[in-house]
């Protein structure tokens, strides 16, 4: 019985630590969910799945590592699985203007054709390149991107170069 009480306190402490970390890094969850899911209900489901997976894995989190890197890795793995599942179910097709409105409502960018073209380009990317772009735009180092995505730094550099070129070409055609 005493062991059980200790476990509950320990679990409560872990839950409180996790909540504090989640609050501090919640933008990661929101950014990833909004990049991989356009429908509000899908975004909410994906965000919840990300938080659930982070909580499930939290007991194995190594506190000597950067929490945001660890969280990004889980969030992107969950999102990539989500996106692949949606591709198979064809649920991912959404009217682009609705998607843009959801993402950019209330901003000065809403009527900017360049922003609409950028979102079209992002939506056309495969899940790994989408993850790479999120991390690059979040100004993560190539080393951290490599760690999060489980690829080499050289591969990150190569993929970023190709992605920039692809976006330049796609944006110039828009």
N, C-alpha and C. Protein backbone atom coordinates (compact mmCIF):
# COMPACT_ATOMS: atom_id res chain seq x y z
N UNK A 1 0.82 -1.20 0.00
CA UNK A 1 0.00 0.00 0.00
C UNK A 1 0.86 1.26 0.00
N UNK A 2 1.91 1.27 0.83
CA UNK A 2 2.81 2.42 0.87
C UNK A 2 3.50 2.61 -0.48
N UNK A 3 3.86 1.50 -1.12
CA UNK A 3 4.51 1.59 -2.43
C UNK A 3 3.56 2.24 -3.43
N UNK A 4 2.28 1.87 -3.34
CA UNK A 4 1.29 2.45 -4.25
C UNK A 4 1.17 3.96 -4.03
N UNK A 5 1.17 4.41 -2.79
CA UNK A 5 1.07 5.84 -2.49
C UNK A 5 2.29 6.57 -3.06
N UNK A 6 3.47 5.95 -2.93
CA UNK A 6 4.68 6.56 -3.48
C UNK A 6 4.58 6.67 -5.01
N UNK A 7 4.08 5.63 -5.65
CA UNK A 7 3.93 5.65 -7.10
C UNK A 7 2.97 6.75 -7.54
N UNK A 8 1.90 6.93 -6.81
CA UNK A 8 0.93 7.97 -7.15
C UNK A 8 1.57 9.34 -7.05
N UNK A 9 2.31 9.59 -5.96
CA UNK A 9 2.99 10.88 -5.80
C UNK A 9 3.98 11.08 -6.95
N UNK A 10 4.73 10.04 -7.26
CA UNK A 10 5.70 10.11 -8.33
C UNK A 10 5.01 10.39 -9.67
N UNK A 11 3.92 9.70 -9.92
CA UNK A 11 3.16 9.91 -11.15
C UNK A 11 2.59 11.33 -11.18
N UNK A 12 2.07 11.79 -10.04
CA UNK A 12 1.54 13.16 -9.98
C UNK A 12 2.64 14.18 -10.26
N UNK A 13 3.82 13.96 -9.70
CA UNK A 13 4.95 14.86 -9.94
C UNK A 13 5.34 14.84 -11.41
N UNK A 14 5.40 13.65 -11.99
CA UNK A 14 5.72 13.53 -13.41
C UNK A 14 4.68 14.25 -14.26
N UNK A 15 3.42 14.06 -13.89
CA UNK A 15 2.34 14.70 -14.65
C UNK A 15 2.48 16.22 -14.57
N UNK A 16 2.79 16.74 -13.39
CA UNK A 16 2.96 18.19 -13.23
C UNK A 16 4.15 18.70 -14.03
N UNK A 17 5.27 17.95 -13.99
CA UNK A 17 6.45 18.32 -14.78
C UNK A 17 6.11 18.33 -16.26
N UNK A 18 5.41 17.28 -16.69
CA UNK A 18 5.05 17.17 -18.10
C UNK A 18 4.14 18.33 -18.51
N UNK A 19 3.14 18.63 -17.70
CA UNK A 19 2.24 19.75 -18.01
C UNK A 19 3.01 21.06 -18.14
N UNK A 20 3.96 21.29 -17.24
CA UNK A 20 4.75 22.53 -17.29
C UNK A 20 5.57 22.58 -18.59
N UNK A 21 6.19 21.47 -18.94
CA UNK A 21 6.96 21.42 -20.19
C UNK A 21 6.05 21.57 -21.40
N UNK A 22 4.91 20.93 -21.36
CA UNK A 22 3.94 21.03 -22.45
C UNK A 22 3.47 22.47 -22.62
N UNK A 23 3.16 23.13 -21.51
CA UNK A 23 2.73 24.53 -21.59
C UNK A 23 3.82 25.40 -22.22
N UNK A 24 5.07 25.15 -21.84
CA UNK A 24 6.19 25.94 -22.34
C UNK A 24 6.43 25.70 -23.83
N UNK A 25 6.12 24.49 -24.31
CA UNK A 25 6.43 24.13 -25.70
C UNK A 25 5.18 23.81 -26.52
N UNK A 26 4.04 24.32 -26.11
CA UNK A 26 2.78 23.98 -26.79
C UNK A 26 2.75 24.42 -28.25
N UNK A 27 3.53 25.46 -28.60
CA UNK A 27 3.56 25.93 -29.99
C UNK A 27 4.06 24.85 -30.93
N UNK A 28 4.92 23.96 -30.44
CA UNK A 28 5.41 22.87 -31.29
C UNK A 28 4.23 22.00 -31.69
N UNK A 29 3.39 21.65 -30.73
CA UNK A 29 2.22 20.80 -31.01
C UNK A 29 1.30 21.50 -31.99
N UNK A 30 1.03 22.77 -31.76
CA UNK A 30 0.10 23.52 -32.62
C UNK A 30 0.67 23.69 -34.03
N UNK A 31 1.96 23.98 -34.12
CA UNK A 31 2.61 24.17 -35.43
C UNK A 31 2.57 22.88 -36.24
N UNK A 32 2.93 21.78 -35.61
CA UNK A 32 2.95 20.50 -36.32
C UNK A 32 1.53 20.09 -36.71
N UNK A 33 0.59 20.21 -35.79
CA UNK A 33 -0.79 19.82 -36.09
C UNK A 33 -1.37 20.66 -37.22
N UNK A 34 -1.11 21.96 -37.23
CA UNK A 34 -1.68 22.80 -38.28
C UNK A 34 -1.00 22.59 -39.63
N UNK A 35 0.23 22.08 -39.62
CA UNK A 35 0.93 21.82 -40.87
C UNK A 35 0.47 20.51 -41.50
N UNK A 36 0.09 19.54 -40.70
CA UNK A 36 -0.27 18.22 -41.21
C UNK A 36 -1.77 17.98 -41.28
N UNK A 37 -2.58 18.85 -40.71
CA UNK A 37 -4.04 18.66 -40.75
C UNK A 37 -4.69 20.02 -40.98
N UNK A 38 -5.53 20.09 -41.98
CA UNK A 38 -6.17 21.37 -42.31
C UNK A 38 -7.56 21.52 -41.69
N UNK A 39 -8.28 20.42 -41.58
CA UNK A 39 -9.62 20.48 -40.99
C UNK A 39 -9.49 20.72 -39.49
N UNK A 40 -10.29 21.63 -38.91
CA UNK A 40 -10.19 21.89 -37.48
C UNK A 40 -10.32 20.63 -36.62
N UNK A 41 -11.23 19.74 -36.96
CA UNK A 41 -11.41 18.52 -36.16
C UNK A 41 -10.19 17.61 -36.27
N UNK A 42 -9.63 17.49 -37.48
CA UNK A 42 -8.42 16.69 -37.68
C UNK A 42 -7.24 17.30 -36.92
N UNK A 43 -7.13 18.64 -36.96
CA UNK A 43 -6.05 19.32 -36.24
C UNK A 43 -6.15 19.04 -34.74
N UNK A 44 -7.36 19.12 -34.22
CA UNK A 44 -7.56 18.86 -32.79
C UNK A 44 -7.22 17.41 -32.45
N UNK A 45 -7.65 16.47 -33.29
CA UNK A 45 -7.34 15.05 -33.07
C UNK A 45 -5.83 14.82 -33.12
N UNK A 46 -5.17 15.41 -34.11
CA UNK A 46 -3.73 15.23 -34.24
C UNK A 46 -2.99 15.83 -33.05
N UNK A 47 -3.38 17.02 -32.63
CA UNK A 47 -2.74 17.65 -31.47
C UNK A 47 -2.91 16.76 -30.23
N UNK A 48 -4.11 16.22 -30.06
CA UNK A 48 -4.35 15.33 -28.92
C UNK A 48 -3.49 14.06 -29.02
N UNK A 49 -3.39 13.50 -30.22
CA UNK A 49 -2.55 12.31 -30.41
C UNK A 49 -1.09 12.61 -30.08
N UNK A 50 -0.62 13.79 -30.48
CA UNK A 50 0.77 14.17 -30.21
C UNK A 50 0.99 14.27 -28.70
N UNK A 51 0.09 14.95 -28.01
CA UNK A 51 0.22 15.10 -26.56
C UNK A 51 0.16 13.73 -25.88
N UNK A 52 -0.76 12.88 -26.32
CA UNK A 52 -0.89 11.54 -25.74
C UNK A 52 0.40 10.75 -25.92
N UNK A 53 0.96 10.78 -27.14
CA UNK A 53 2.20 10.04 -27.39
C UNK A 53 3.37 10.61 -26.58
N UNK A 54 3.42 11.92 -26.45
CA UNK A 54 4.48 12.54 -25.63
C UNK A 54 4.34 12.09 -24.18
N UNK A 55 3.12 12.06 -23.67
CA UNK A 55 2.91 11.63 -22.28
C UNK A 55 3.30 10.16 -22.11
N UNK A 56 2.91 9.32 -23.06
CA UNK A 56 3.25 7.90 -22.98
C UNK A 56 4.77 7.69 -22.96
N UNK A 57 5.48 8.52 -23.72
CA UNK A 57 6.93 8.37 -23.82
C UNK A 57 7.69 9.15 -22.74
N UNK A 58 6.99 9.98 -21.99
CA UNK A 58 7.65 10.89 -21.06
C UNK A 58 8.50 10.17 -20.01
N UNK A 59 8.08 9.00 -19.58
CA UNK A 59 8.86 8.29 -18.56
C UNK A 59 10.24 7.91 -19.07
N UNK A 60 10.40 7.83 -20.40
CA UNK A 60 11.71 7.49 -20.96
C UNK A 60 12.48 8.73 -21.43
N UNK A 61 11.92 9.92 -21.21
CA UNK A 61 12.60 11.16 -21.60
C UNK A 61 13.88 11.33 -20.77
N UNK A 62 14.98 11.56 -21.45
CA UNK A 62 16.28 11.77 -20.82
C UNK A 62 16.45 13.27 -20.58
N UNK A 63 16.45 13.67 -19.31
CA UNK A 63 16.49 15.10 -18.96
C UNK A 63 17.79 15.79 -19.37
N UNK A 64 18.79 15.01 -19.79
CA UNK A 64 20.02 15.64 -20.28
C UNK A 64 19.87 16.10 -21.73
N UNK A 65 18.79 15.70 -22.36
CA UNK A 65 18.52 16.09 -23.76
C UNK A 65 17.60 17.31 -23.77
N UNK A 66 17.60 18.02 -24.88
CA UNK A 66 16.74 19.20 -25.04
C UNK A 66 15.29 18.72 -25.22
N UNK A 67 14.39 19.21 -24.37
CA UNK A 67 13.00 18.75 -24.40
C UNK A 67 12.34 19.05 -25.75
N UNK A 68 12.57 20.26 -26.29
CA UNK A 68 11.89 20.63 -27.55
C UNK A 68 12.31 19.70 -28.69
N UNK A 69 13.56 19.27 -28.69
CA UNK A 69 14.04 18.33 -29.72
C UNK A 69 13.31 17.00 -29.58
N UNK A 70 13.23 16.51 -28.36
CA UNK A 70 12.53 15.26 -28.06
C UNK A 70 11.06 15.37 -28.47
N UNK A 71 10.43 16.49 -28.12
CA UNK A 71 9.02 16.68 -28.42
C UNK A 71 8.77 16.78 -29.92
N UNK A 72 9.63 17.52 -30.63
CA UNK A 72 9.49 17.62 -32.08
C UNK A 72 9.56 16.24 -32.72
N UNK A 73 10.49 15.43 -32.25
CA UNK A 73 10.66 14.10 -32.85
C UNK A 73 9.38 13.29 -32.72
N UNK A 74 8.80 13.28 -31.54
CA UNK A 74 7.55 12.55 -31.34
C UNK A 74 6.42 13.17 -32.15
N UNK A 75 6.29 14.49 -32.07
CA UNK A 75 5.20 15.20 -32.77
C UNK A 75 5.26 14.92 -34.27
N UNK A 76 6.44 14.98 -34.85
CA UNK A 76 6.55 14.76 -36.29
C UNK A 76 6.32 13.30 -36.66
N UNK A 77 6.77 12.37 -35.84
CA UNK A 77 6.47 10.96 -36.12
C UNK A 77 4.97 10.70 -36.10
N UNK A 78 4.28 11.25 -35.11
CA UNK A 78 2.83 11.09 -35.04
C UNK A 78 2.17 11.75 -36.25
N UNK A 79 2.61 12.96 -36.59
CA UNK A 79 2.01 13.69 -37.71
C UNK A 79 2.25 13.00 -39.05
N UNK A 80 3.46 12.47 -39.23
CA UNK A 80 3.76 11.77 -40.49
C UNK A 80 2.89 10.53 -40.62
N UNK A 81 2.71 9.79 -39.54
CA UNK A 81 1.80 8.63 -39.57
C UNK A 81 0.38 9.07 -39.87
N UNK A 82 -0.03 10.17 -39.27
CA UNK A 82 -1.37 10.72 -39.49
C UNK A 82 -1.55 11.08 -40.98
N UNK A 83 -0.54 11.79 -41.53
CA UNK A 83 -0.63 12.22 -42.93
C UNK A 83 -0.68 11.03 -43.87
N UNK A 84 0.13 10.02 -43.59
CA UNK A 84 0.12 8.83 -44.45
C UNK A 84 -1.23 8.12 -44.36
N UNK A 85 -1.80 8.06 -43.19
CA UNK A 85 -3.12 7.45 -43.03
C UNK A 85 -4.18 8.23 -43.78
N UNK A 86 -4.08 9.55 -43.75
CA UNK A 86 -5.04 10.39 -44.46
C UNK A 86 -4.90 10.26 -45.97
N UNK A 87 -3.68 10.08 -46.45
CA UNK A 87 -3.49 9.90 -47.89
C UNK A 87 -4.23 8.66 -48.37
N UNK A 88 -4.17 7.62 -47.56
CA UNK A 88 -4.84 6.38 -47.94
C UNK A 88 -6.35 6.51 -47.89
N UNK A 89 -6.84 7.32 -47.00
CA UNK A 89 -8.29 7.48 -46.85
C UNK A 89 -8.83 8.63 -47.70
N UNK A 90 -7.92 9.39 -48.31
CA UNK A 90 -8.31 10.55 -49.13
C UNK A 90 -9.13 11.57 -48.35
N UNK A 91 -8.88 11.65 -47.06
CA UNK A 91 -9.57 12.64 -46.23
C UNK A 91 -8.84 13.97 -46.26
N UNK A 92 -7.65 13.99 -46.83
CA UNK A 92 -6.80 15.17 -46.74
C UNK A 92 -7.19 16.26 -47.75
N UNK A 93 -8.09 15.95 -48.66
CA UNK A 93 -8.44 16.97 -49.64
C UNK A 93 -9.43 17.96 -49.04
N UNK A 94 -9.01 19.22 -49.02
CA UNK A 94 -9.78 20.30 -48.43
C UNK A 94 -9.68 21.46 -49.39
N UNK A 95 -10.73 22.23 -49.50
CA UNK A 95 -10.66 23.41 -50.35
C UNK A 95 -9.54 24.31 -49.85
N UNK A 96 -8.66 24.71 -50.74
CA UNK A 96 -7.47 25.45 -50.31
C UNK A 96 -7.83 26.74 -49.61
N UNK A 97 -8.80 27.48 -50.10
CA UNK A 97 -9.13 28.75 -49.47
C UNK A 97 -9.59 28.55 -48.03
N UNK A 98 -10.31 27.46 -47.75
CA UNK A 98 -10.72 27.16 -46.38
C UNK A 98 -9.51 26.89 -45.51
N UNK A 99 -8.55 26.14 -46.07
CA UNK A 99 -7.34 25.81 -45.31
C UNK A 99 -6.57 27.08 -45.00
N UNK A 100 -6.42 27.93 -45.99
CA UNK A 100 -5.69 29.18 -45.77
C UNK A 100 -6.41 30.02 -44.72
N UNK A 101 -7.72 30.07 -44.82
CA UNK A 101 -8.49 30.87 -43.86
C UNK A 101 -8.26 30.35 -42.44
N UNK A 102 -8.26 29.02 -42.27
CA UNK A 102 -8.03 28.44 -40.95
C UNK A 102 -6.66 28.83 -40.42
N UNK A 103 -5.66 28.78 -41.27
CA UNK A 103 -4.28 29.02 -40.83
C UNK A 103 -3.99 30.50 -40.68
N UNK A 104 -4.48 31.32 -41.60
CA UNK A 104 -4.07 32.72 -41.62
C UNK A 104 -5.20 33.71 -41.33
N UNK A 105 -6.32 33.24 -40.81
CA UNK A 105 -7.44 34.13 -40.54
C UNK A 105 -7.00 35.28 -39.63
N UNK A 106 -7.42 36.46 -40.00
CA UNK A 106 -7.15 37.61 -39.16
C UNK A 106 -5.75 38.19 -39.32
N UNK A 107 -4.99 37.70 -40.28
CA UNK A 107 -3.65 38.25 -40.47
C UNK A 107 -3.63 39.11 -41.73
N UNK A 108 -2.58 39.89 -41.86
CA UNK A 108 -2.43 40.71 -43.05
C UNK A 108 -2.11 39.86 -44.27
N UNK A 109 -1.72 38.60 -44.04
CA UNK A 109 -1.31 37.73 -45.13
C UNK A 109 -2.48 37.11 -45.87
N UNK A 110 -3.67 37.23 -45.31
CA UNK A 110 -4.82 36.47 -45.82
C UNK A 110 -5.05 36.65 -47.32
N UNK A 111 -4.87 37.86 -47.82
CA UNK A 111 -5.14 38.10 -49.24
C UNK A 111 -3.87 38.15 -50.08
N UNK A 112 -2.76 37.74 -49.52
CA UNK A 112 -1.48 37.77 -50.23
C UNK A 112 -1.32 36.50 -51.06
N UNK A 113 -1.25 36.66 -52.36
CA UNK A 113 -1.14 35.50 -53.26
C UNK A 113 0.13 34.69 -53.00
N UNK A 114 1.21 35.38 -52.59
CA UNK A 114 2.45 34.65 -52.30
C UNK A 114 2.26 33.69 -51.13
N UNK A 115 1.50 34.11 -50.13
CA UNK A 115 1.25 33.23 -48.98
C UNK A 115 0.40 32.04 -49.42
N UNK A 116 -0.62 32.31 -50.24
CA UNK A 116 -1.45 31.21 -50.74
C UNK A 116 -0.60 30.24 -51.55
N UNK A 117 0.30 30.77 -52.37
CA UNK A 117 1.17 29.91 -53.18
C UNK A 117 2.10 29.09 -52.28
N UNK A 118 2.62 29.71 -51.24
CA UNK A 118 3.49 28.98 -50.31
C UNK A 118 2.73 27.84 -49.64
N UNK A 119 1.51 28.09 -49.20
CA UNK A 119 0.72 27.02 -48.57
C UNK A 119 0.41 25.91 -49.57
N UNK A 120 0.18 26.26 -50.84
CA UNK A 120 -0.03 25.21 -51.84
C UNK A 120 1.23 24.36 -51.97
N UNK A 121 2.38 25.01 -51.98
CA UNK A 121 3.65 24.27 -52.07
C UNK A 121 3.84 23.37 -50.85
N UNK A 122 3.59 23.88 -49.67
CA UNK A 122 3.74 23.09 -48.44
C UNK A 122 2.80 21.90 -48.46
N UNK A 123 1.56 22.13 -48.86
CA UNK A 123 0.58 21.03 -48.90
C UNK A 123 0.99 19.94 -49.88
N UNK A 124 1.75 20.30 -50.92
CA UNK A 124 2.16 19.32 -51.93
C UNK A 124 3.38 18.50 -51.49
N UNK A 125 4.04 18.91 -50.42
CA UNK A 125 5.24 18.20 -49.97
C UNK A 125 4.88 16.87 -49.32
N UNK A 126 5.79 15.91 -49.44
CA UNK A 126 5.61 14.65 -48.74
C UNK A 126 5.84 14.92 -47.25
N UNK A 127 5.38 14.01 -46.37
CA UNK A 127 5.47 14.26 -44.92
C UNK A 127 6.88 14.56 -44.40
N UNK A 128 7.90 13.89 -44.91
CA UNK A 128 9.26 14.13 -44.42
C UNK A 128 9.75 15.53 -44.78
N UNK A 129 9.51 15.94 -46.02
CA UNK A 129 9.93 17.28 -46.44
C UNK A 129 9.13 18.36 -45.71
N UNK A 130 7.88 18.08 -45.41
CA UNK A 130 7.07 19.02 -44.63
C UNK A 130 7.68 19.18 -43.24
N UNK A 131 8.09 18.07 -42.63
CA UNK A 131 8.73 18.11 -41.31
C UNK A 131 10.03 18.90 -41.39
N UNK A 132 10.81 18.64 -42.42
CA UNK A 132 12.08 19.34 -42.61
C UNK A 132 11.84 20.85 -42.72
N UNK A 133 10.83 21.23 -43.49
CA UNK A 133 10.52 22.65 -43.67
C UNK A 133 10.08 23.30 -42.36
N UNK A 134 9.24 22.62 -41.59
CA UNK A 134 8.80 23.17 -40.29
C UNK A 134 10.02 23.46 -39.42
N UNK A 135 10.91 22.50 -39.34
CA UNK A 135 12.09 22.64 -38.48
C UNK A 135 13.03 23.73 -38.99
N UNK A 136 13.19 23.80 -40.30
CA UNK A 136 14.04 24.82 -40.91
C UNK A 136 13.46 26.21 -40.65
N UNK A 137 12.16 26.36 -40.85
CA UNK A 137 11.52 27.66 -40.63
C UNK A 137 11.50 28.03 -39.14
N UNK A 138 11.59 27.02 -38.27
CA UNK A 138 11.66 27.26 -36.84
C UNK A 138 13.11 27.54 -36.40
N UNK A 139 14.00 27.67 -37.40
CA UNK A 139 15.40 28.01 -37.19
C UNK A 139 16.14 27.01 -36.31
N UNK A 140 15.79 25.73 -36.46
CA UNK A 140 16.52 24.67 -35.77
C UNK A 140 17.83 24.43 -36.52
N UNK A 141 18.86 24.07 -35.80
CA UNK A 141 20.16 23.80 -36.43
C UNK A 141 20.07 22.52 -37.26
N UNK A 142 21.00 22.39 -38.21
CA UNK A 142 21.02 21.16 -39.02
C UNK A 142 21.27 19.96 -38.12
N UNK A 143 22.07 20.12 -37.09
CA UNK A 143 22.34 19.03 -36.15
C UNK A 143 21.06 18.60 -35.44
N UNK A 144 20.29 19.59 -34.98
CA UNK A 144 19.05 19.27 -34.28
C UNK A 144 18.02 18.66 -35.23
N UNK A 145 17.93 19.19 -36.44
CA UNK A 145 17.01 18.63 -37.44
C UNK A 145 17.37 17.17 -37.70
N UNK A 146 18.67 16.90 -37.85
CA UNK A 146 19.14 15.53 -38.09
C UNK A 146 18.73 14.62 -36.94
N UNK A 147 18.90 15.10 -35.71
CA UNK A 147 18.55 14.31 -34.54
C UNK A 147 17.04 14.04 -34.48
N UNK A 148 16.25 15.06 -34.75
CA UNK A 148 14.79 14.92 -34.69
C UNK A 148 14.29 13.95 -35.75
N UNK A 149 14.81 14.09 -36.98
CA UNK A 149 14.31 13.29 -38.09
C UNK A 149 15.03 11.95 -38.24
N UNK A 150 16.12 11.76 -37.51
CA UNK A 150 16.84 10.49 -37.58
C UNK A 150 17.60 10.31 -38.89
N UNK A 151 18.11 11.42 -39.44
CA UNK A 151 18.92 11.36 -40.66
C UNK A 151 20.24 12.09 -40.38
N UNK A 152 21.20 11.98 -41.29
CA UNK A 152 22.49 12.62 -41.07
C UNK A 152 22.41 14.13 -41.33
N UNK A 153 23.37 14.86 -40.76
CA UNK A 153 23.43 16.31 -41.01
C UNK A 153 23.67 16.59 -42.49
N UNK A 154 24.48 15.77 -43.13
CA UNK A 154 24.74 15.93 -44.57
C UNK A 154 23.45 15.77 -45.35
N UNK A 155 22.65 14.77 -44.97
CA UNK A 155 21.36 14.54 -45.62
C UNK A 155 20.44 15.74 -45.40
N UNK A 156 20.45 16.29 -44.18
CA UNK A 156 19.64 17.48 -43.89
C UNK A 156 20.04 18.62 -44.81
N UNK A 157 21.35 18.88 -44.91
CA UNK A 157 21.83 19.98 -45.75
C UNK A 157 21.41 19.78 -47.21
N UNK A 158 21.57 18.56 -47.70
CA UNK A 158 21.19 18.25 -49.08
C UNK A 158 19.69 18.46 -49.29
N UNK A 159 18.89 17.91 -48.37
CA UNK A 159 17.43 18.02 -48.49
C UNK A 159 16.97 19.47 -48.40
N UNK A 160 17.59 20.26 -47.51
CA UNK A 160 17.21 21.67 -47.39
C UNK A 160 17.53 22.41 -48.70
N UNK A 161 18.69 22.13 -49.26
CA UNK A 161 19.05 22.76 -50.54
C UNK A 161 18.05 22.43 -51.63
N UNK A 162 17.68 21.15 -51.72
CA UNK A 162 16.70 20.73 -52.74
C UNK A 162 15.33 21.34 -52.46
N UNK A 163 14.96 21.40 -51.20
CA UNK A 163 13.66 21.95 -50.82
C UNK A 163 13.58 23.44 -51.15
N UNK A 164 14.65 24.18 -50.87
CA UNK A 164 14.69 25.61 -51.21
C UNK A 164 14.54 25.79 -52.72
N UNK A 165 15.27 24.97 -53.48
CA UNK A 165 15.21 25.06 -54.94
C UNK A 165 13.79 24.74 -55.43
N UNK A 166 13.20 23.70 -54.87
CA UNK A 166 11.84 23.33 -55.26
C UNK A 166 10.84 24.44 -54.94
N UNK A 167 10.97 25.02 -53.75
CA UNK A 167 10.06 26.10 -53.37
C UNK A 167 10.26 27.32 -54.26
N UNK A 168 11.53 27.64 -54.56
CA UNK A 168 11.80 28.77 -55.48
C UNK A 168 11.12 28.54 -56.82
N UNK A 169 11.28 27.33 -57.36
CA UNK A 169 10.68 27.01 -58.66
C UNK A 169 9.16 27.05 -58.58
N UNK A 170 8.60 26.41 -57.55
CA UNK A 170 7.14 26.39 -57.40
C UNK A 170 6.57 27.78 -57.18
N UNK A 171 7.27 28.59 -56.41
CA UNK A 171 6.78 29.95 -56.12
C UNK A 171 6.87 30.83 -57.36
N UNK A 172 7.89 30.63 -58.21
CA UNK A 172 8.02 31.45 -59.39
C UNK A 172 6.96 31.10 -60.43
N UNK A 173 6.47 29.85 -60.37
CA UNK A 173 5.42 29.42 -61.31
C UNK A 173 4.04 29.88 -60.85
N UNK A 174 3.90 30.20 -59.57
CA UNK A 174 2.59 30.55 -59.01
C UNK A 174 2.17 31.93 -59.44
